PDB file of N, CA and C in Angstrom:
ATOM      1  N   GLU A   1     -58.337  52.705  30.987  1.00  0.00           N
ATOM      2  CA  GLU A   1     -57.051  53.600  29.868  1.00  0.00           C
ATOM      3  C   GLU A   1     -56.211  53.703  30.926  1.00  0.00           C
ATOM      4  N   ASP A   2     -56.303  54.225  32.093  1.00  0.00           N
ATOM      5  CA  ASP A   2     -55.244  54.577  33.384  1.00  0.00           C
ATOM      6  C   ASP A   2     -54.086  53.356  33.281  1.00  0.00           C
ATOM      7  N   MET A   3     -54.808  52.188  33.851  1.00  0.00           N
ATOM      8  CA  MET A   3     -54.446  51.058  33.839  1.00  0.00           C
ATOM      9  C   MET A   3     -53.246  50.227  32.612  1.00  0.00           C
ATOM     10  N   ARG A   4     -53.850  50.718  31.380  1.00  0.00           N
ATOM     11  CA  ARG A   4     -53.058  50.147  30.433  1.00  0.00           C
ATOM     12  C   ARG A   4     -51.813  51.223  30.160  1.00  0.00           C
ATOM     13  N   ASP A   5     -51.865  52.509  30.632  1.00  0.00           N
ATOM     14  CA  ASP A   5     -50.807  53.812  31.001  1.00  0.00           C
ATOM     15  C   ASP A   5     -49.866  53.424  31.444  1.00  0.00           C
ATOM     16  N   ARG A   6     -50.640  52.466  32.754  1.00  0.00           N
ATOM     17  CA  ARG A   6     -49.386  52.714  33.657  1.00  0.00           C
ATOM     18  C   ARG A   6     -48.561  51.219  33.905  1.00  0.00           C
ATOM     19  N   ARG A   7     -49.518  50.500  32.707  1.00  0.00           N
ATOM     20  CA  ARG A   7     -48.457  48.874  32.205  1.00  0.00           C
ATOM     21  C   ARG A   7     -47.734  49.310  31.532  1.00  0.00           C
ATOM     22  N   SER A   8     -47.763  50.204  30.023  1.00  0.00           N
ATOM     23  CA  SER A   8     -47.109  50.531  29.224  1.00  0.00           C
ATOM     24  C   SER A   8     -45.326  51.543  30.212  1.00  0.00           C
ATOM     25  N   GLU A   9     -46.342  52.307  30.794  1.00  0.00           N
ATOM     26  CA  GLU A   9     -45.231  53.033  31.596  1.00  0.00           C
ATOM     27  C   GLU A   9     -43.680  52.211  32.190  1.00  0.00           C
ATOM     28  N   ASN A  10     -44.836  51.318  33.419  1.00  0.00           N
ATOM     29  CA  ASN A  10     -43.619  50.149  34.267  1.00  0.00           C
ATOM     30  C   ASN A  10     -43.068  49.538  32.485  1.00  0.00           C
ATOM     31  N   GLN A  11     -43.324  48.756  31.514  1.00  0.00           N
ATOM     32  CA  GLN A  11     -42.939  48.190  30.796  1.00  0.00           C
ATOM     33  C   GLN A  11     -41.747  49.297  30.025  1.00  0.00           C
ATOM     34  N   LEU A  12     -41.831  50.574  30.119  1.00  0.00           N
ATOM     35  CA  LEU A  12     -40.963  51.523  29.724  1.00  0.00           C
ATOM     36  C   LEU A  12     -39.665  51.389  30.891  1.00  0.00           C
ATOM     37  N   ASN A  13     -40.147  51.725  31.783  1.00  0.00           N
ATOM     38  CA  ASN A  13     -39.065  51.747  32.866  1.00  0.00           C
ATOM     39  C   ASN A  13     -38.383  50.346  33.282  1.00  0.00           C
ATOM     40  N   ARG A  14     -38.919  49.445  32.693  1.00  0.00           N
ATOM     41  CA  ARG A  14     -38.308  48.371  33.053  1.00  0.00           C
ATOM     42  C   ARG A  14     -36.902  48.312  32.034  1.00  0.00           C
ATOM     43  N   TYR A  15     -37.232  48.280  30.597  1.00  0.00           N
ATOM     44  CA  TYR A  15     -36.865  48.725  29.532  1.00  0.00           C
ATOM     45  C   TYR A  15     -35.530  49.193  29.534  1.00  0.00           C
ATOM     46  N   TYR A  16     -35.713  50.302  30.315  1.00  0.00           N
ATOM     47  CA  TYR A  16     -34.587  51.449  30.214  1.00  0.00           C
ATOM     48  C   TYR A  16     -33.003  51.424  31.485  1.00  0.00           C
ATOM     49  N   ASP A  17     -34.389  51.047  32.239  1.00  0.00           N
ATOM     50  CA  ASP A  17     -33.516  49.692  33.404  1.00  0.00           C
ATOM     51  C   ASP A  17     -32.345  48.508  32.687  1.00  0.00           C
ATOM     52  N   ASP A  18     -33.109  47.919  31.991  1.00  0.00           N
ATOM     53  CA  ASP A  18     -32.308  46.633  31.301  1.00  0.00           C
ATOM     54  C   ASP A  18     -31.262  47.359  29.972  1.00  0.00           C
ATOM     55  N   VAL A  19     -31.747  48.745  29.450  1.00  0.00           N
ATOM     56  CA  VAL A  19     -30.700  49.031  28.878  1.00  0.00           C
ATOM     57  C   VAL A  19     -29.022  49.737  29.606  1.00  0.00           C
ATOM     58  N   ILE A  20     -29.981  50.534  30.767  1.00  0.00           N
ATOM     59  CA  ILE A  20     -28.849  51.051  31.511  1.00  0.00           C
ATOM     60  C   ILE A  20     -27.863  49.715  32.022  1.00  0.00           C
ATOM     61  N   ALA A  21     -28.667  48.750  32.382  1.00  0.00           N
ATOM     62  CA  ALA A  21     -27.812  47.687  33.386  1.00  0.00           C
ATOM     63  C   ALA A  21     -26.940  47.144  31.995  1.00  0.00           C
ATOM     64  N   GLN A  22     -26.905  47.325  30.715  1.00  0.00           N
ATOM     65  CA  GLN A  22     -25.933  46.641  29.622  1.00  0.00           C
ATOM     66  C   GLN A  22     -25.170  47.748  29.661  1.00  0.00           C
ATOM     67  N   ILE A  23     -25.366  49.414  29.238  1.00  0.00           N
ATOM     68  CA  ILE A  23     -24.332  50.012  29.005  1.00  0.00           C
ATOM     69  C   ILE A  23     -23.252  50.862  30.302  1.00  0.00           C
ATOM     70  N   ARG A  24     -23.937  50.384  31.576  1.00  0.00           N
ATOM     71  CA  ARG A  24     -23.411  50.734  33.252  1.00  0.00           C
ATOM     72  C   ARG A  24     -21.618  51.063  33.168  1.00  0.00           C
ATOM     73  N   ASP A  25     -21.592  50.224  32.337  1.00  0.00           N
ATOM     74  CA  ASP A  25     -19.773  50.260  32.504  1.00  0.00           C
ATOM     75  C   ASP A  25     -18.909  50.522  31.041  1.00  0.00           C
ATOM     76  N   VAL A  26     -19.539  50.940  30.637  1.00  0.00           N
ATOM     77  CA  VAL A  26     -19.382  51.916  29.345  1.00  0.00           C
ATOM     78  C   VAL A  26     -19.018  53.260  29.611  1.00  0.00           C
ATOM     79  N   GLU A  27     -18.039  53.811  28.957  1.00  0.00           N
ATOM     80  CA  GLU A  27     -17.073  54.979  29.293  1.00  0.00           C
ATOM     81  C   GLU A  27     -17.554  56.019  28.484  1.00  0.00           C
ATOM     82  N   SER A  28     -18.625  55.718  26.717  1.00  0.00           N
ATOM     83  CA  SER A  28     -19.130  57.078  26.497  1.00  0.00           C
ATOM     84  C   SER A  28     -20.464  56.294  25.817  1.00  0.00           C
ATOM     85  N   VAL A  29     -21.482  57.388  25.519  1.00  0.00           N
ATOM     86  CA  VAL A  29     -22.579  56.790  25.293  1.00  0.00           C
ATOM     87  C   VAL A  29     -23.544  57.468  24.089  1.00  0.00           C
ATOM     88  N   LEU A  30     -23.440  57.369  23.502  1.00  0.00           N
ATOM     89  CA  LEU A  30     -23.984  57.953  22.018  1.00  0.00           C
ATOM     90  C   LEU A  30     -25.378  57.408  21.715  1.00  0.00           C
ATOM     91  N   ILE A  31     -26.012  58.453  22.283  1.00  0.00           N
ATOM     92  CA  ILE A  31     -28.093  58.693  22.051  1.00  0.00           C
ATOM     93  C   ILE A  31     -28.243  58.531  20.603  1.00  0.00           C
ATOM     94  N   MET A  32     -28.988  57.696  20.162  1.00  0.00           N
ATOM     95  CA  MET A  32     -29.403  57.868  18.663  1.00  0.00           C
ATOM     96  C   MET A  32     -30.995  57.378  18.425  1.00  0.00           C
ATOM     97  N   GLY A  33     -31.914  58.009  17.879  1.00  0.00           N
ATOM     98  CA  GLY A  33     -33.032  57.599  17.329  1.00  0.00           C
ATOM     99  C   GLY A  33     -34.226  58.957  17.169  1.00  0.00           C
ATOM    100  N   PRO A  34     -34.968  58.276  16.903  1.00  0.00           N
ATOM    101  CA  PRO A  34     -36.376  58.875  16.561  1.00  0.00           C
ATOM    102  C   PRO A  34     -37.125  59.681  18.187  1.00  0.00           C
ATOM    103  N   GLY A  35     -37.746  60.506  17.643  1.00  0.00           N
ATOM    104  CA  GLY A  35     -38.884  60.750  18.977  1.00  0.00           C
ATOM    105  C   GLY A  35     -38.255  61.020  20.189  1.00  0.00           C
ATOM    106  N   GLU A  36     -39.010  60.948  21.067  1.00  0.00           N
ATOM    107  CA  GLU A  36     -38.990  61.529  22.713  1.00  0.00           C
ATOM    108  C   GLU A  36     -38.240  60.526  23.267  1.00  0.00           C
ATOM    109  N   ALA A  37     -37.900  58.858  23.098  1.00  0.00           N
ATOM    110  CA  ALA A  37     -37.521  58.167  23.783  1.00  0.00           C
ATOM    111  C   ALA A  37     -35.613  58.505  24.075  1.00  0.00           C
ATOM    112  N   LYS A  38     -35.044  59.167  23.359  1.00  0.00           N
ATOM    113  CA  LYS A  38     -33.470  59.457  23.592  1.00  0.00           C
ATOM    114  C   LYS A  38     -33.667  60.905  25.287  1.00  0.00           C
ATOM    115  N   GLY A  39     -34.866  61.331  25.077  1.00  0.00           N
ATOM    116  CA  GLY A  39     -34.799  62.003  26.337  1.00  0.00           C
ATOM    117  C   GLY A  39     -34.531  61.639  27.125  1.00  0.00           C
ATOM    118  N   GLU A  40     -35.777  60.733  27.218  1.00  0.00           N
ATOM    119  CA  GLU A  40     -36.202  59.690  28.226  1.00  0.00           C
ATOM    120  C   GLU A  40     -35.170  59.195  28.789  1.00  0.00           C
ATOM    121  N   LEU A  41     -34.198  58.332  28.028  1.00  0.00           N
ATOM    122  CA  LEU A  41     -33.224  57.487  28.117  1.00  0.00           C
ATOM    123  C   LEU A  41     -32.397  58.750  29.123  1.00  0.00           C
ATOM    124  N   GLU A  42     -31.884  59.555  28.470  1.00  0.00           N
ATOM    125  CA  GLU A  42     -31.122  60.845  29.110  1.00  0.00           C
ATOM    126  C   GLU A  42     -31.767  61.229  30.435  1.00  0.00           C
ATOM    127  N   LYS A  43     -32.489  61.464  30.905  1.00  0.00           N
ATOM    128  CA  LYS A  43     -33.491  61.609  32.132  1.00  0.00           C
ATOM    129  C   LYS A  43     -32.826  60.451  32.618  1.00  0.00           C
ATOM    130  N   ARG A  44     -33.116  58.867  32.478  1.00  0.00           N
ATOM    131  CA  ARG A  44     -33.034  57.759  33.323  1.00  0.00           C
ATOM    132  C   ARG A  44     -31.478  57.764  33.423  1.00  0.00           C
ATOM    133  N   LEU A  45     -30.280  57.859  32.665  1.00  0.00           N
ATOM    134  CA  LEU A  45     -29.080  58.051  32.551  1.00  0.00           C
ATOM    135  C   LEU A  45     -28.346  58.858  33.690  1.00  0.00           C
ATOM    136  N   GLU A  46     -29.210  60.337  33.908  1.00  0.00           N
ATOM    137  CA  GLU A  46     -29.204  61.406  35.184  1.00  0.00           C
ATOM    138  C   GLU A  46     -29.246  60.744  36.352  1.00  0.00           C
ATOM    139  N   GLY A  47     -30.234  60.366  36.360  1.00  0.00           N
ATOM    140  CA  GLY A  47     -30.980  59.583  37.625  1.00  0.00           C
ATOM    141  C   GLY A  47     -29.871  58.743  38.255  1.00  0.00           C
ATOM    142  N   LYS A  48     -29.228  57.957  37.442  1.00  0.00           N
ATOM    143  CA  LYS A  48     -28.641  57.142  37.977  1.00  0.00           C
ATOM    144  C   LYS A  48     -27.100  57.001  37.710  1.00  0.00           C
ATOM    145  N   LYS A  49     -26.903  59.029  37.779  1.00  0.00           N
ATOM    146  CA  LYS A  49     -25.210  59.440  37.814  1.00  0.00           C
ATOM    147  C   LYS A  49     -24.658  59.249  36.456  1.00  0.00           C
ATOM    148  N   LEU A  50     -25.283  59.086  35.830  1.00  0.00           N
ATOM    149  CA  LEU A  50     -24.209  58.548  34.600  1.00  0.00           C
ATOM    150  C   LEU A  50     -24.246  59.434  33.319  1.00  0.00           C
ATOM    151  N   ARG A  51     -24.863  60.657  33.811  1.00  0.00           N
ATOM    152  CA  ARG A  51     -24.999  61.770  32.488  1.00  0.00           C
ATOM    153  C   ARG A  51     -23.838  61.769  32.054  1.00  0.00           C
ATOM    154  N   GLY A  52     -22.379  61.966  32.646  1.00  0.00           N
ATOM    155  CA  GLY A  52     -21.188  62.519  32.474  1.00  0.00           C
ATOM    156  C   GLY A  52     -20.745  62.027  31.125  1.00  0.00           C
ATOM    157  N   ARG A  53     -21.140  60.266  31.001  1.00  0.00           N
ATOM    158  CA  ARG A  53     -20.986  59.522  30.292  1.00  0.00           C
ATOM    159  C   ARG A  53     -21.420  60.105  28.758  1.00  0.00           C
ATOM    160  N   ILE A  54     -22.836  60.137  28.596  1.00  0.00           N
ATOM    161  CA  ILE A  54     -23.290  60.612  27.087  1.00  0.00           C
ATOM    162  C   ILE A  54     -22.633  61.586  26.580  1.00  0.00           C
ATOM    163  N   VAL A  55     -22.149  61.354  25.514  1.00  0.00           N
ATOM    164  CA  VAL A  55     -21.102  62.219  24.708  1.00  0.00           C
ATOM    165  C   VAL A  55     -21.679  62.950  23.202  1.00  0.00           C
ATOM    166  N   GLY A  56     -23.132  62.493  23.288  1.00  0.00           N
ATOM    167  CA  GLY A  56     -24.041  63.071  22.122  1.00  0.00           C
ATOM    168  C   GLY A  56     -25.454  62.210  21.944  1.00  0.00           C
ATOM    169  N   ILE A  57     -25.954  63.233  21.413  1.00  0.00           N
ATOM    170  CA  ILE A  57     -27.516  62.793  21.536  1.00  0.00           C
ATOM    171  C   ILE A  57     -27.985  63.346  19.873  1.00  0.00           C
ATOM    172  N   GLU A  58     -28.543  62.238  19.012  1.00  0.00           N
ATOM    173  CA  GLU A  58     -28.514  62.149  18.001  1.00  0.00           C
ATOM    174  C   GLU A  58     -30.043  61.788  17.215  1.00  0.00           C
ATOM    175  N   THR A  59     -30.639  62.550  16.589  1.00  0.00           N
ATOM    176  CA  THR A  59     -32.286  62.595  16.054  1.00  0.00           C
ATOM    177  C   THR A  59     -32.176  61.822  14.898  1.00  0.00           C
ATOM    178  N   VAL A  60     -32.309  60.523  14.535  1.00  0.00           N
ATOM    179  CA  VAL A  60     -31.943  59.697  13.453  1.00  0.00           C
ATOM    180  C   VAL A  60     -33.654  58.937  13.495  1.00  0.00           C
ATOM    181  N   ASP A  61     -33.723  58.653  11.959  1.00  0.00           N
ATOM    182  CA  ASP A  61     -34.593  57.785  11.572  1.00  0.00           C
ATOM    183  C   ASP A  61     -34.626  56.342  11.287  1.00  0.00           C
ATOM    184  N   LYS A  62     -35.223  55.473  10.812  1.00  0.00           N
ATOM    185  CA  LYS A  62     -34.946  54.433  10.232  1.00  0.00           C
ATOM    186  C   LYS A  62     -33.346  54.119   9.719  1.00  0.00           C
ATOM    187  N   MET A  63     -32.542  53.302  10.043  1.00  0.00           N
ATOM    188  CA  MET A  63     -31.006  52.846   9.836  1.00  0.00           C
ATOM    189  C   MET A  63     -30.732  51.234   9.561  1.00  0.00           C
ATOM    190  N   THR A  64     -29.913  51.009   9.163  1.00  0.00           N
ATOM    191  CA  THR A  64     -29.809  49.823   8.769  1.00  0.00           C
ATOM    192  C   THR A  64     -28.640  49.127  10.113  1.00  0.00           C
ATOM    193  N   ASP A  65     -28.313  48.314  10.210  1.00  0.00           N
ATOM    194  CA  ASP A  65     -26.918  48.099  11.376  1.00  0.00           C
ATOM    195  C   ASP A  65     -25.873  48.686  11.011  1.00  0.00           C
ATOM    196  N   ARG A  66     -26.046  48.009   9.713  1.00  0.00           N
ATOM    197  CA  ARG A  66     -24.521  49.268   9.008  1.00  0.00           C
ATOM    198  C   ARG A  66     -24.434  50.625   8.720  1.00  0.00           C
ATOM    199  N   GLN A  67     -25.557  51.509   8.717  1.00  0.00           N
ATOM    200  CA  GLN A  67     -25.757  52.346   8.788  1.00  0.00           C
ATOM    201  C   GLN A  67     -25.788  53.261  10.306  1.00  0.00           C
ATOM    202  N   ILE A  68     -26.156  52.355  10.928  1.00  0.00           N
ATOM    203  CA  ILE A  68     -25.958  53.077  12.714  1.00  0.00           C
ATOM    204  C   ILE A  68     -24.488  52.899  12.628  1.00  0.00           C
ATOM    205  N   ALA A  69     -23.392  51.554  12.197  1.00  0.00           N
ATOM    206  CA  ALA A  69     -22.106  51.013  12.733  1.00  0.00           C
ATOM    207  C   ALA A  69     -21.441  52.509  12.380  1.00  0.00           C
ATOM    208  N   ALA A  70     -21.680  53.216  10.989  1.00  0.00           N
ATOM    209  CA  ALA A  70     -20.912  54.342  10.154  1.00  0.00           C
ATOM    210  C   ALA A  70     -21.546  55.520  10.996  1.00  0.00           C
ATOM    211  N   LYS A  71     -22.413  55.938  11.290  1.00  0.00           N
ATOM    212  CA  LYS A  71     -22.679  57.007  11.961  1.00  0.00           C
ATOM    213  C   LYS A  71     -22.137  56.865  13.317  1.00  0.00           C
ATOM    214  N   VAL A  72     -22.048  55.389  14.220  1.00  0.00           N
ATOM    215  CA  VAL A  72     -20.932  55.874  15.338  1.00  0.00           C
ATOM    216  C   VAL A  72     -19.613  56.029  15.029  1.00  0.00           C
ATOM    217  N   ARG A  73     -18.754  55.559  14.119  1.00  0.00           N
ATOM    218  CA  ARG A  73     -17.936  55.522  14.086  1.00  0.00           C
ATOM    219  C   ARG A  73     -17.349  56.871  13.250  1.00  0.00           C
ATOM    220  N   GLN A  74     -18.516  57.823  12.543  1.00  0.00           N
ATOM    221  CA  GLN A  74     -18.301  59.108  11.845  1.00  0.00           C
ATOM    222  C   GLN A  74     -18.530  60.248  13.560  1.00  0.00           C
ATOM    223  N   TYR A  75     -19.514  59.812  14.260  1.00  0.00           N
ATOM    224  CA  TYR A  75     -19.588  61.012  15.283  1.00  0.00           C
ATOM    225  C   TYR A  75     -18.493  60.518  16.234  1.00  0.00           C
ATOM    226  N   PHE A  76     -17.609  59.094  16.470  1.00  0.00           N
ATOM    227  CA  PHE A  76     -16.382  59.770  17.099  1.00  0.00           C
ATOM    228  C   PHE A  76     -15.635  60.033  16.565  1.00  0.00           C
ATOM    229  N   ARG A  77     -14.828  59.965  15.256  1.00  0.00           N
ATOM    230  CA  ARG A  77     -13.744  60.083  14.674  1.00  0.00           C
ATOM    231  C   ARG A  77     -13.810  62.000  15.075  1.00  0.00           C
ATOM    232  N   GLU A  78     -15.447  62.047  14.534  1.00  0.00           N
ATOM    233  CA  GLU A  78     -14.990  64.060  14.418  1.00  0.00           C
ATOM    234  C   GLU A  78     -15.464  64.294  15.721  1.00  0.00           C
ATOM    235  N   ASN A  79     -15.929  64.206  16.619  1.00  0.00           N
ATOM    236  CA  ASN A  79     -16.582  64.608  17.946  1.00  0.00           C
ATOM    237  C   ASN A  79     -15.800  63.815  19.102  1.00  0.00           C
ATOM    238  N   ILE A  80     -14.791  63.001  19.268  1.00  0.00           N
ATOM    239  CA  ILE A  80     -14.328  62.533  20.329  1.00  0.00           C
ATOM    240  C   ILE A  80     -12.789  62.417  19.986  1.00  0.00           C
ATOM    241  N   GLY A  81     -12.461  61.630  18.703  1.00  0.00           N
ATOM    242  CA  GLY A  81     -11.073  61.440  18.527  1.00  0.00           C
ATOM    243  C   GLY A  81     -10.182  62.756  17.936  1.00  0.00           C
ATOM    244  N   ARG A  82     -10.061  63.718  18.225  1.00  0.00           N
ATOM    245  CA  ARG A  82      -9.335  64.777  18.248  1.00  0.00           C
ATOM    246  C   ARG A  82      -8.352  65.012  18.652  1.00  0.00           C
TER     247      ARG A  82
END
């Protein structure tokens, strides 16, 4: 079981590193999703000195691509575009 836990943790670490590599050059990051992954990604971004780019963290459940796009537009319009 310990080996399975380590393997899972390594996979998560690689996943977060891949996500961070993709968003490294963006100005603003809105983190959305269910559960604890949002906090884990936030911690990883802090470790990479990218915490200042996080503009918000939202708890959301299952959403379609259109719902996600609408949520992001609404968030930025209400909170960033002032």
